[in-house]
């Protein structure tokens, strides 16, 4: 079995054994996560394959965040009074 020291040492396309090694978990757990859709994978015949990019995203190491929430301060409606630090402003 290959020994890898960092995530970028792994190939771009991996099998279940490699993903289990990378994530330090049992192969059965990798299969369960894949079947549940928790880890993105592709099927090649009857075999699961995982891209390094998908595993990085699963770990939160991708260049793109998995969830982005943008919250903006609501803009006052024209003509509506607005309360600012205890004083009313029109």
PDB file of N, CA and C in Angstrom:
ATOM      1  N   UNK A   1       0.836  -1.185   0.000  1.00  0.00           N
ATOM      2  CA  UNK A   1       0.000   0.000   0.000  1.00  0.00           C
ATOM      3  C   UNK A   1       0.883   1.252   0.000  1.00  0.00           C
ATOM      4  N   UNK A   2       0.458   2.252  -0.768  1.00  0.00           N
ATOM      5  CA  UNK A   2       1.228   3.484  -0.855  1.00  0.00           C
ATOM      6  C   UNK A   2       1.133   4.275   0.445  1.00  0.00           C
ATOM      7  N   UNK A   3       2.190   5.010   0.762  1.00  0.00           N
ATOM      8  CA  UNK A   3       2.168   5.881   1.924  1.00  0.00           C
ATOM      9  C   UNK A   3       2.262   7.321   1.445  1.00  0.00           C
ATOM     10  N   UNK A   4       1.285   8.123   1.858  1.00  0.00           N
ATOM     11  CA  UNK A   4       1.245   9.527   1.473  1.00  0.00           C
ATOM     12  C   UNK A   4       1.403  10.371   2.735  1.00  0.00           C
ATOM     13  N   UNK A   5       2.087  11.498   2.589  1.00  0.00           N
ATOM     14  CA  UNK A   5       2.292  12.345   3.758  1.00  0.00           C
ATOM     15  C   UNK A   5       1.405  13.576   3.761  1.00  0.00           C
ATOM     16  N   UNK A   6       0.924  13.994   2.595  1.00  0.00           N
ATOM     17  CA  UNK A   6       0.024  15.142   2.552  1.00  0.00           C
ATOM     18  C   UNK A   6      -1.017  14.924   1.461  1.00  0.00           C
ATOM     19  N   UNK A   7      -2.084  15.692   1.534  1.00  0.00           N
ATOM     20  CA  UNK A   7      -3.233  15.471   0.644  1.00  0.00           C
ATOM     21  C   UNK A   7      -2.862  15.607  -0.833  1.00  0.00           C
ATOM     22  N   UNK A   8      -1.960  16.515  -1.159  1.00  0.00           N
ATOM     23  CA  UNK A   8      -1.610  16.707  -2.564  1.00  0.00           C
ATOM     24  C   UNK A   8      -0.740  15.596  -3.132  1.00  0.00           C
ATOM     25  N   UNK A   9      -0.298  14.667  -2.278  1.00  0.00           N
ATOM     26  CA  UNK A   9       0.443  13.500  -2.758  1.00  0.00           C
ATOM     27  C   UNK A   9      -0.487  12.440  -3.338  1.00  0.00           C
ATOM     28  N   UNK A  10      -1.777  12.554  -3.059  1.00  0.00           N
ATOM     29  CA  UNK A  10      -2.745  11.576  -3.557  1.00  0.00           C
ATOM     30  C   UNK A  10      -3.067  11.855  -5.023  1.00  0.00           C
ATOM     31  N   UNK A  11      -3.435  10.818  -5.780  1.00  0.00           N
ATOM     32  CA  UNK A  11      -3.773  11.016  -7.200  1.00  0.00           C
ATOM     33  C   UNK A  11      -5.080  11.801  -7.371  1.00  0.00           C
ATOM     34  N   UNK A  12      -5.284  12.353  -8.551  1.00  0.00           N
ATOM     35  CA  UNK A  12      -6.489  13.136  -8.834  1.00  0.00           C
ATOM     36  C   UNK A  12      -7.756  12.282  -8.829  1.00  0.00           C
ATOM     37  N   UNK A  13      -7.634  11.003  -9.111  1.00  0.00           N
ATOM     38  CA  UNK A  13      -8.771  10.085  -9.089  1.00  0.00           C
ATOM     39  C   UNK A  13      -8.406   8.919  -8.169  1.00  0.00           C
ATOM     40  N   UNK A  14      -9.233   8.701  -7.140  1.00  0.00           N
ATOM     41  CA  UNK A  14      -8.894   7.708  -6.122  1.00  0.00           C
ATOM     42  C   UNK A  14      -9.975   6.648  -5.978  1.00  0.00           C
ATOM     43  N   UNK A  15      -9.556   5.498  -5.459  1.00  0.00           N
ATOM     44  CA  UNK A  15     -10.509   4.434  -5.142  1.00  0.00           C
ATOM     45  C   UNK A  15     -10.856   4.498  -3.652  1.00  0.00           C
ATOM     46  N   UNK A  16     -11.706   3.599  -3.213  1.00  0.00           N
ATOM     47  CA  UNK A  16     -12.164   3.584  -1.815  1.00  0.00           C
ATOM     48  C   UNK A  16     -10.998   3.389  -0.844  1.00  0.00           C
ATOM     49  N   UNK A  17     -10.059   2.517  -1.188  1.00  0.00           N
ATOM     50  CA  UNK A  17      -8.919   2.258  -0.303  1.00  0.00           C
ATOM     51  C   UNK A  17      -8.096   3.528  -0.085  1.00  0.00           C
ATOM     52  N   UNK A  18      -7.856   4.268  -1.158  1.00  0.00           N
ATOM     53  CA  UNK A  18      -7.069   5.494  -1.053  1.00  0.00           C
ATOM     54  C   UNK A  18      -7.796   6.566  -0.236  1.00  0.00           C
ATOM     55  N   UNK A  19      -9.105   6.682  -0.448  1.00  0.00           N
ATOM     56  CA  UNK A  19      -9.883   7.671   0.303  1.00  0.00           C
ATOM     57  C   UNK A  19      -9.918   7.296   1.781  1.00  0.00           C
ATOM     58  N   UNK A  20     -10.076   6.015   2.068  1.00  0.00           N
ATOM     59  CA  UNK A  20     -10.072   5.560   3.454  1.00  0.00           C
ATOM     60  C   UNK A  20      -8.731   5.884   4.117  1.00  0.00           C
ATOM     61  N   UNK A  21      -7.648   5.687   3.383  1.00  0.00           N
ATOM     62  CA  UNK A  21      -6.322   6.007   3.903  1.00  0.00           C
ATOM     63  C   UNK A  21      -6.189   7.515   4.144  1.00  0.00           C
ATOM     64  N   UNK A  22      -6.624   8.289   3.176  1.00  0.00           N
ATOM     65  CA  UNK A  22      -6.535   9.750   3.276  1.00  0.00           C
ATOM     66  C   UNK A  22      -7.345  10.281   4.456  1.00  0.00           C
ATOM     67  N   UNK A  23      -8.547   9.767   4.636  1.00  0.00           N
ATOM     68  CA  UNK A  23      -9.440  10.260   5.683  1.00  0.00           C
ATOM     69  C   UNK A  23      -9.266   9.525   7.014  1.00  0.00           C
ATOM     70  N   UNK A  24      -8.369   8.562   7.052  1.00  0.00           N
ATOM     71  CA  UNK A  24      -8.111   7.755   8.260  1.00  0.00           C
ATOM     72  C   UNK A  24      -9.404   7.145   8.800  1.00  0.00           C
ATOM     73  N   UNK A  25     -10.119   6.493   7.892  1.00  0.00           N
ATOM     74  CA  UNK A  25     -11.351   5.821   8.306  1.00  0.00           C
ATOM     75  C   UNK A  25     -11.462   4.474   7.609  1.00  0.00           C
ATOM     76  N   UNK A  26     -12.359   3.660   8.099  1.00  0.00           N
ATOM     77  CA  UNK A  26     -12.576   2.331   7.546  1.00  0.00           C
ATOM     78  C   UNK A  26     -13.205   2.431   6.148  1.00  0.00           C
ATOM     79  N   UNK A  27     -12.891   1.473   5.295  1.00  0.00           N
ATOM     80  CA  UNK A  27     -13.475   1.450   3.948  1.00  0.00           C
ATOM     81  C   UNK A  27     -14.997   1.426   3.994  1.00  0.00           C
ATOM     82  N   UNK A  28     -15.559   0.682   4.951  1.00  0.00           N
ATOM     83  CA  UNK A  28     -17.022   0.600   5.056  1.00  0.00           C
ATOM     84  C   UNK A  28     -17.635   1.972   5.322  1.00  0.00           C
ATOM     85  N   UNK A  29     -16.949   2.795   6.088  1.00  0.00           N
ATOM     86  CA  UNK A  29     -17.431   4.154   6.351  1.00  0.00           C
ATOM     87  C   UNK A  29     -17.405   4.987   5.080  1.00  0.00           C
ATOM     88  N   UNK A  30     -16.357   4.833   4.278  1.00  0.00           N
ATOM     89  CA  UNK A  30     -16.275   5.552   3.000  1.00  0.00           C
ATOM     90  C   UNK A  30     -17.428   5.120   2.099  1.00  0.00           C
ATOM     91  N   UNK A  31     -17.698   3.819   2.024  1.00  0.00           N
ATOM     92  CA  UNK A  31     -18.828   3.331   1.231  1.00  0.00           C
ATOM     93  C   UNK A  31     -20.151   3.927   1.715  1.00  0.00           C
ATOM     94  N   UNK A  32     -20.357   3.942   3.026  1.00  0.00           N
ATOM     95  CA  UNK A  32     -21.603   4.510   3.580  1.00  0.00           C
ATOM     96  C   UNK A  32     -21.744   5.987   3.235  1.00  0.00           C
ATOM     97  N   UNK A  33     -20.653   6.750   3.390  1.00  0.00           N
ATOM     98  CA  UNK A  33     -20.697   8.186   3.076  1.00  0.00           C
ATOM     99  C   UNK A  33     -20.965   8.419   1.591  1.00  0.00           C
ATOM    100  N   UNK A  34     -20.373   7.589   0.753  1.00  0.00           N
ATOM    101  CA  UNK A  34     -20.581   7.719  -0.694  1.00  0.00           C
ATOM    102  C   UNK A  34     -22.031   7.386  -1.061  1.00  0.00           C
ATOM    103  N   UNK A  35     -22.546   6.290  -0.527  1.00  0.00           N
ATOM    104  CA  UNK A  35     -23.924   5.890  -0.815  1.00  0.00           C
ATOM    105  C   UNK A  35     -24.927   6.917  -0.315  1.00  0.00           C
ATOM    106  N   UNK A  36     -24.609   7.580   0.798  1.00  0.00           N
ATOM    107  CA  UNK A  36     -25.500   8.598   1.370  1.00  0.00           C
ATOM    108  C   UNK A  36     -25.360   9.944   0.657  1.00  0.00           C
ATOM    109  N   UNK A  37     -24.400  10.039  -0.268  1.00  0.00           N
ATOM    110  CA  UNK A  37     -24.199  11.292  -0.992  1.00  0.00           C
ATOM    111  C   UNK A  37     -23.420  12.331  -0.211  1.00  0.00           C
ATOM    112  N   UNK A  38     -22.801  11.931   0.885  1.00  0.00           N
ATOM    113  CA  UNK A  38     -22.020  12.871   1.706  1.00  0.00           C
ATOM    114  C   UNK A  38     -20.672  13.190   1.069  1.00  0.00           C
ATOM    115  N   UNK A  39     -20.097  12.192   0.400  1.00  0.00           N
ATOM    116  CA  UNK A  39     -18.844  12.396  -0.342  1.00  0.00           C
ATOM    117  C   UNK A  39     -19.179  12.215  -1.815  1.00  0.00           C
ATOM    118  N   UNK A  40     -18.989  13.244  -2.632  1.00  0.00           N
ATOM    119  CA  UNK A  40     -19.271  13.103  -4.066  1.00  0.00           C
ATOM    120  C   UNK A  40     -18.369  12.036  -4.693  1.00  0.00           C
ATOM    121  N   UNK A  41     -18.976  11.205  -5.533  1.00  0.00           N
ATOM    122  CA  UNK A  41     -18.201  10.155  -6.189  1.00  0.00           C
ATOM    123  C   UNK A  41     -18.810   9.853  -7.552  1.00  0.00           C
ATOM    124  N   UNK A  42     -18.077   9.090  -8.317  1.00  0.00           N
ATOM    125  CA  UNK A  42     -18.580   8.610  -9.604  1.00  0.00           C
ATOM    126  C   UNK A  42     -18.453   7.091  -9.602  1.00  0.00           C
ATOM    127  N   UNK A  43     -19.282   6.451 -10.375  1.00  0.00           N
ATOM    128  CA  UNK A  43     -19.217   5.004 -10.490  1.00  0.00           C
ATOM    129  C   UNK A  43     -18.544   4.640 -11.803  1.00  0.00           C
ATOM    130  N   UNK A  44     -17.566   3.757 -11.729  1.00  0.00           N
ATOM    131  CA  UNK A  44     -16.919   3.201 -12.910  1.00  0.00           C
ATOM    132  C   UNK A  44     -17.199   1.711 -12.834  1.00  0.00           C
ATOM    133  N   UNK A  45     -18.198   1.284 -13.609  1.00  0.00           N
ATOM    134  CA  UNK A  45     -18.679  -0.092 -13.475  1.00  0.00           C
ATOM    135  C   UNK A  45     -19.335  -0.232 -12.114  1.00  0.00           C
ATOM    136  N   UNK A  46     -18.840  -1.140 -11.299  1.00  0.00           N
ATOM    137  CA  UNK A  46     -19.352  -1.318  -9.936  1.00  0.00           C
ATOM    138  C   UNK A  46     -18.431  -0.698  -8.882  1.00  0.00           C
ATOM    139  N   UNK A  47     -17.481   0.119  -9.331  1.00  0.00           N
ATOM    140  CA  UNK A  47     -16.485   0.673  -8.425  1.00  0.00           C
ATOM    141  C   UNK A  47     -16.683   2.172  -8.210  1.00  0.00           C
ATOM    142  N   UNK A  48     -16.537   2.599  -6.967  1.00  0.00           N
ATOM    143  CA  UNK A  48     -16.590   4.015  -6.646  1.00  0.00           C
ATOM    144  C   UNK A  48     -15.241   4.656  -6.949  1.00  0.00           C
ATOM    145  N   UNK A  49     -15.298   5.863  -7.495  1.00  0.00           N
ATOM    146  CA  UNK A  49     -14.096   6.658  -7.714  1.00  0.00           C
ATOM    147  C   UNK A  49     -14.365   8.058  -7.167  1.00  0.00           C
ATOM    148  N   UNK A  50     -13.335   8.655  -6.587  1.00  0.00           N
ATOM    149  CA  UNK A  50     -13.444   9.951  -5.942  1.00  0.00           C
ATOM    150  C   UNK A  50     -12.372  10.878  -6.497  1.00  0.00           C
ATOM    151  N   UNK A  51     -12.753  12.099  -6.809  1.00  0.00           N
ATOM    152  CA  UNK A  51     -11.747  13.050  -7.261  1.00  0.00           C
ATOM    153  C   UNK A  51     -11.120  13.724  -6.054  1.00  0.00           C
ATOM    154  N   UNK A  52      -9.863  14.075  -6.187  1.00  0.00           N
ATOM    155  CA  UNK A  52      -9.167  14.766  -5.112  1.00  0.00           C
ATOM    156  C   UNK A  52      -9.867  16.086  -4.804  1.00  0.00           C
ATOM    157  N   UNK A  53     -10.346  16.737  -5.832  1.00  0.00           N
ATOM    158  CA  UNK A  53     -11.060  18.010  -5.657  1.00  0.00           C
ATOM    159  C   UNK A  53     -12.324  17.819  -4.793  1.00  0.00           C
ATOM    160  N   UNK A  54     -13.062  16.737  -5.036  1.00  0.00           N
ATOM    161  CA  UNK A  54     -14.271  16.467  -4.254  1.00  0.00           C
ATOM    162  C   UNK A  54     -13.929  16.161  -2.797  1.00  0.00           C
ATOM    163  N   UNK A  55     -12.840  15.442  -2.579  1.00  0.00           N
ATOM    164  CA  UNK A  55     -12.423  15.122  -1.211  1.00  0.00           C
ATOM    165  C   UNK A  55     -11.978  16.385  -0.487  1.00  0.00           C
ATOM    166  N   UNK A  56     -11.261  17.255  -1.196  1.00  0.00           N
ATOM    167  CA  UNK A  56     -10.854  18.534  -0.582  1.00  0.00           C
ATOM    168  C   UNK A  56     -12.084  19.361  -0.212  1.00  0.00           C
ATOM    169  N   UNK A  57     -13.082  19.376  -1.078  1.00  0.00           N
ATOM    170  CA  UNK A  57     -14.317  20.114  -0.782  1.00  0.00           C
ATOM    171  C   UNK A  57     -15.027  19.496   0.423  1.00  0.00           C
ATOM    172  N   UNK A  58     -15.048  18.168   0.489  1.00  0.00           N
ATOM    173  CA  UNK A  58     -15.652  17.469   1.621  1.00  0.00           C
ATOM    174  C   UNK A  58     -14.962  17.861   2.933  1.00  0.00           C
ATOM    175  N   UNK A  59     -13.664  18.032   2.868  1.00  0.00           N
ATOM    176  CA  UNK A  59     -12.889  18.409   4.046  1.00  0.00           C
ATOM    177  C   UNK A  59     -12.889  19.908   4.312  1.00  0.00           C
ATOM    178  N   UNK A  60     -13.484  20.668   3.381  1.00  0.00           N
ATOM    179  CA  UNK A  60     -13.490  22.124   3.534  1.00  0.00           C
ATOM    180  C   UNK A  60     -12.178  22.760   3.129  1.00  0.00           C
ATOM    181  N   UNK A  61     -11.399  22.072   2.299  1.00  0.00           N
ATOM    182  CA  UNK A  61     -10.098  22.577   1.876  1.00  0.00           C
ATOM    183  C   UNK A  61     -10.099  23.129   0.461  1.00  0.00           C
ATOM    184  N   UNK A  62     -11.261  23.123  -0.191  1.00  0.00           N
ATOM    185  CA  UNK A  62     -11.335  23.603  -1.566  1.00  0.00           C
ATOM    186  C   UNK A  62     -11.147  25.103  -1.649  1.00  0.00           C
ATOM    187  N   UNK A  63     -10.922  25.585  -2.845  1.00  0.00           N
ATOM    188  CA  UNK A  63     -10.731  27.026  -3.033  1.00  0.00           C
ATOM    189  C   UNK A  63     -12.053  27.768  -2.951  1.00  0.00           C
ATOM    190  N   UNK A  64     -13.163  27.042  -3.153  1.00  0.00           N
ATOM    191  CA  UNK A  64     -14.476  27.666  -3.080  1.00  0.00           C
ATOM    192  C   UNK A  64     -15.167  27.214  -1.802  1.00  0.00           C
ATOM    193  N   UNK A  65     -15.711  28.160  -1.028  1.00  0.00           N
ATOM    194  CA  UNK A  65     -16.429  27.742   0.172  1.00  0.00           C
ATOM    195  C   UNK A  65     -17.673  26.948  -0.192  1.00  0.00           C
ATOM    196  N   UNK A  66     -18.032  25.987   0.639  1.00  0.00           N
ATOM    197  CA  UNK A  66     -19.189  25.159   0.331  1.00  0.00           C
ATOM    198  C   UNK A  66     -20.501  25.880   0.618  1.00  0.00           C
ATOM    199  N   UNK A  67     -20.514  26.776   1.599  1.00  0.00           N
ATOM    200  CA  UNK A  67     -21.725  27.516   1.929  1.00  0.00           C
ATOM    201  C   UNK A  67     -21.354  28.982   2.132  1.00  0.00           C
ATOM    202  N   UNK A  68     -22.079  29.846   1.460  1.00  0.00           N
ATOM    203  CA  UNK A  68     -21.864  31.280   1.616  1.00  0.00           C
ATOM    204  C   UNK A  68     -23.190  31.909   1.982  1.00  0.00           C
ATOM    205  N   UNK A  69     -23.191  32.682   3.033  1.00  0.00           N
ATOM    206  CA  UNK A  69     -24.399  33.391   3.420  1.00  0.00           C
ATOM    207  C   UNK A  69     -24.099  34.878   3.368  1.00  0.00           C
ATOM    208  N   UNK A  70     -24.860  35.587   2.571  1.00  0.00           N
ATOM    209  CA  UNK A  70     -24.676  37.021   2.439  1.00  0.00           C
ATOM    210  C   UNK A  70     -25.857  37.702   3.099  1.00  0.00           C
ATOM    211  N   UNK A  71     -25.556  38.546   4.041  1.00  0.00           N
ATOM    212  CA  UNK A  71     -26.607  39.267   4.741  1.00  0.00           C
ATOM    213  C   UNK A  71     -26.338  40.755   4.568  1.00  0.00           C
ATOM    214  N   UNK A  72     -27.312  41.453   4.026  1.00  0.00           N
ATOM    215  CA  UNK A  72     -27.183  42.895   3.844  1.00  0.00           C
ATOM    216  C   UNK A  72     -28.106  43.613   4.801  1.00  0.00           C
ATOM    217  N   UNK A  73     -27.666  44.781   5.224  1.00  0.00           N
ATOM    218  CA  UNK A  73     -28.498  45.637   6.050  1.00  0.00           C
ATOM    219  C   UNK A  73     -29.668  46.105   5.203  1.00  0.00           C
ATOM    220  N   UNK A  74     -30.905  45.967   5.683  1.00  0.00           N
ATOM    221  CA  UNK A  74     -32.038  46.417   4.880  1.00  0.00           C
ATOM    222  C   UNK A  74     -31.985  47.930   4.666  1.00  0.00           C
ATOM    223  N   UNK A  75     -32.308  48.351   3.471  1.00  0.00           N
ATOM    224  CA  UNK A  75     -32.314  49.775   3.151  1.00  0.00           C
ATOM    225  C   UNK A  75     -33.670  50.361   3.527  1.00  0.00           C
ATOM    226  N   UNK A  76     -33.674  51.548   4.163  1.00  0.00           N
ATOM    227  CA  UNK A  76     -34.959  52.143   4.547  1.00  0.00           C
ATOM    228  C   UNK A  76     -35.762  52.558   3.314  1.00  0.00           C
ATOM    229  N   UNK A  77     -37.063  52.439   3.430  1.00  0.00           N
ATOM    230  CA  UNK A  77     -37.953  52.862   2.360  1.00  0.00           C
ATOM    231  C   UNK A  77     -38.018  54.377   2.382  1.00  0.00           C
ATOM    232  N   UNK A  78     -37.960  54.974   1.196  1.00  0.00           N
ATOM    233  CA  UNK A  78     -37.962  56.440   1.098  1.00  0.00           C
ATOM    234  C   UNK A  78     -39.193  57.015   1.786  1.00  0.00           C
ATOM    235  N   UNK A  79     -38.982  58.045   2.607  1.00  0.00           N
ATOM    236  CA  UNK A  79     -40.070  58.685   3.318  1.00  0.00           C
ATOM    237  C   UNK A  79     -40.396  58.028   4.640  1.00  0.00           C
ATOM    238  N   UNK A  80     -39.800  56.899   4.928  1.00  0.00           N
ATOM    239  CA  UNK A  80     -40.060  56.190   6.177  1.00  0.00           C
ATOM    240  C   UNK A  80     -39.088  56.674   7.249  1.00  0.00           C
ATOM    241  N   UNK A  81     -39.572  56.879   8.468  1.00  0.00           N
ATOM    242  CA  UNK A  81     -38.716  57.310   9.568  1.00  0.00           C
ATOM    243  C   UNK A  81     -37.771  56.180   9.939  1.00  0.00           C
ATOM    244  N   UNK A  82     -36.561  56.528  10.331  1.00  0.00           N
ATOM    245  CA  UNK A  82     -35.555  55.546  10.694  1.00  0.00           C
ATOM    246  C   UNK A  82     -35.017  55.898  12.076  1.00  0.00           C
ATOM    247  N   UNK A  83     -34.919  54.944  12.968  1.00  0.00           N
ATOM    248  CA  UNK A  83     -34.442  55.152  14.309  1.00  0.00           C
ATOM    249  C   UNK A  83     -32.933  54.891  14.337  1.00  0.00           C
ATOM    250  N   UNK A  84     -32.148  55.903  14.666  1.00  0.00           N
ATOM    251  CA  UNK A  84     -30.702  55.771  14.725  1.00  0.00           C
ATOM    252  C   UNK A  84     -30.235  56.155  16.107  1.00  0.00           C
ATOM    253  N   UNK A  85     -29.665  55.255  16.832  1.00  0.00           N
ATOM    254  CA  UNK A  85     -29.131  55.453  18.175  1.00  0.00           C
ATOM    255  C   UNK A  85     -30.047  56.294  19.051  1.00  0.00           C
ATOM    256  N   UNK A  86     -31.312  55.948  19.062  1.00  0.00           N
ATOM    257  CA  UNK A  86     -32.254  56.585  19.960  1.00  0.00           C
ATOM    258  C   UNK A  86     -32.823  57.891  19.456  1.00  0.00           C
ATOM    259  N   UNK A  87     -32.417  58.360  18.280  1.00  0.00           N
ATOM    260  CA  UNK A  87     -32.987  59.594  17.738  1.00  0.00           C
ATOM    261  C   UNK A  87     -33.701  59.269  16.446  1.00  0.00           C
ATOM    262  N   UNK A  88     -34.785  59.933  16.199  1.00  0.00           N
ATOM    263  CA  UNK A  88     -35.562  59.683  14.995  1.00  0.00           C
ATOM    264  C   UNK A  88     -35.047  60.588  13.895  1.00  0.00           C
ATOM    265  N   UNK A  89     -34.860  60.032  12.710  1.00  0.00           N
ATOM    266  CA  UNK A  89     -34.338  60.776  11.565  1.00  0.00           C
ATOM    267  C   UNK A  89     -35.276  60.587  10.399  1.00  0.00           C
ATOM    268  N   UNK A  90     -35.569  61.670   9.659  1.00  0.00           N
ATOM    269  CA  UNK A  90     -36.440  61.576   8.493  1.00  0.00           C
ATOM    270  C   UNK A  90     -35.700  61.861   7.241  1.00  0.00           C
TER     271      UNK A  90
END
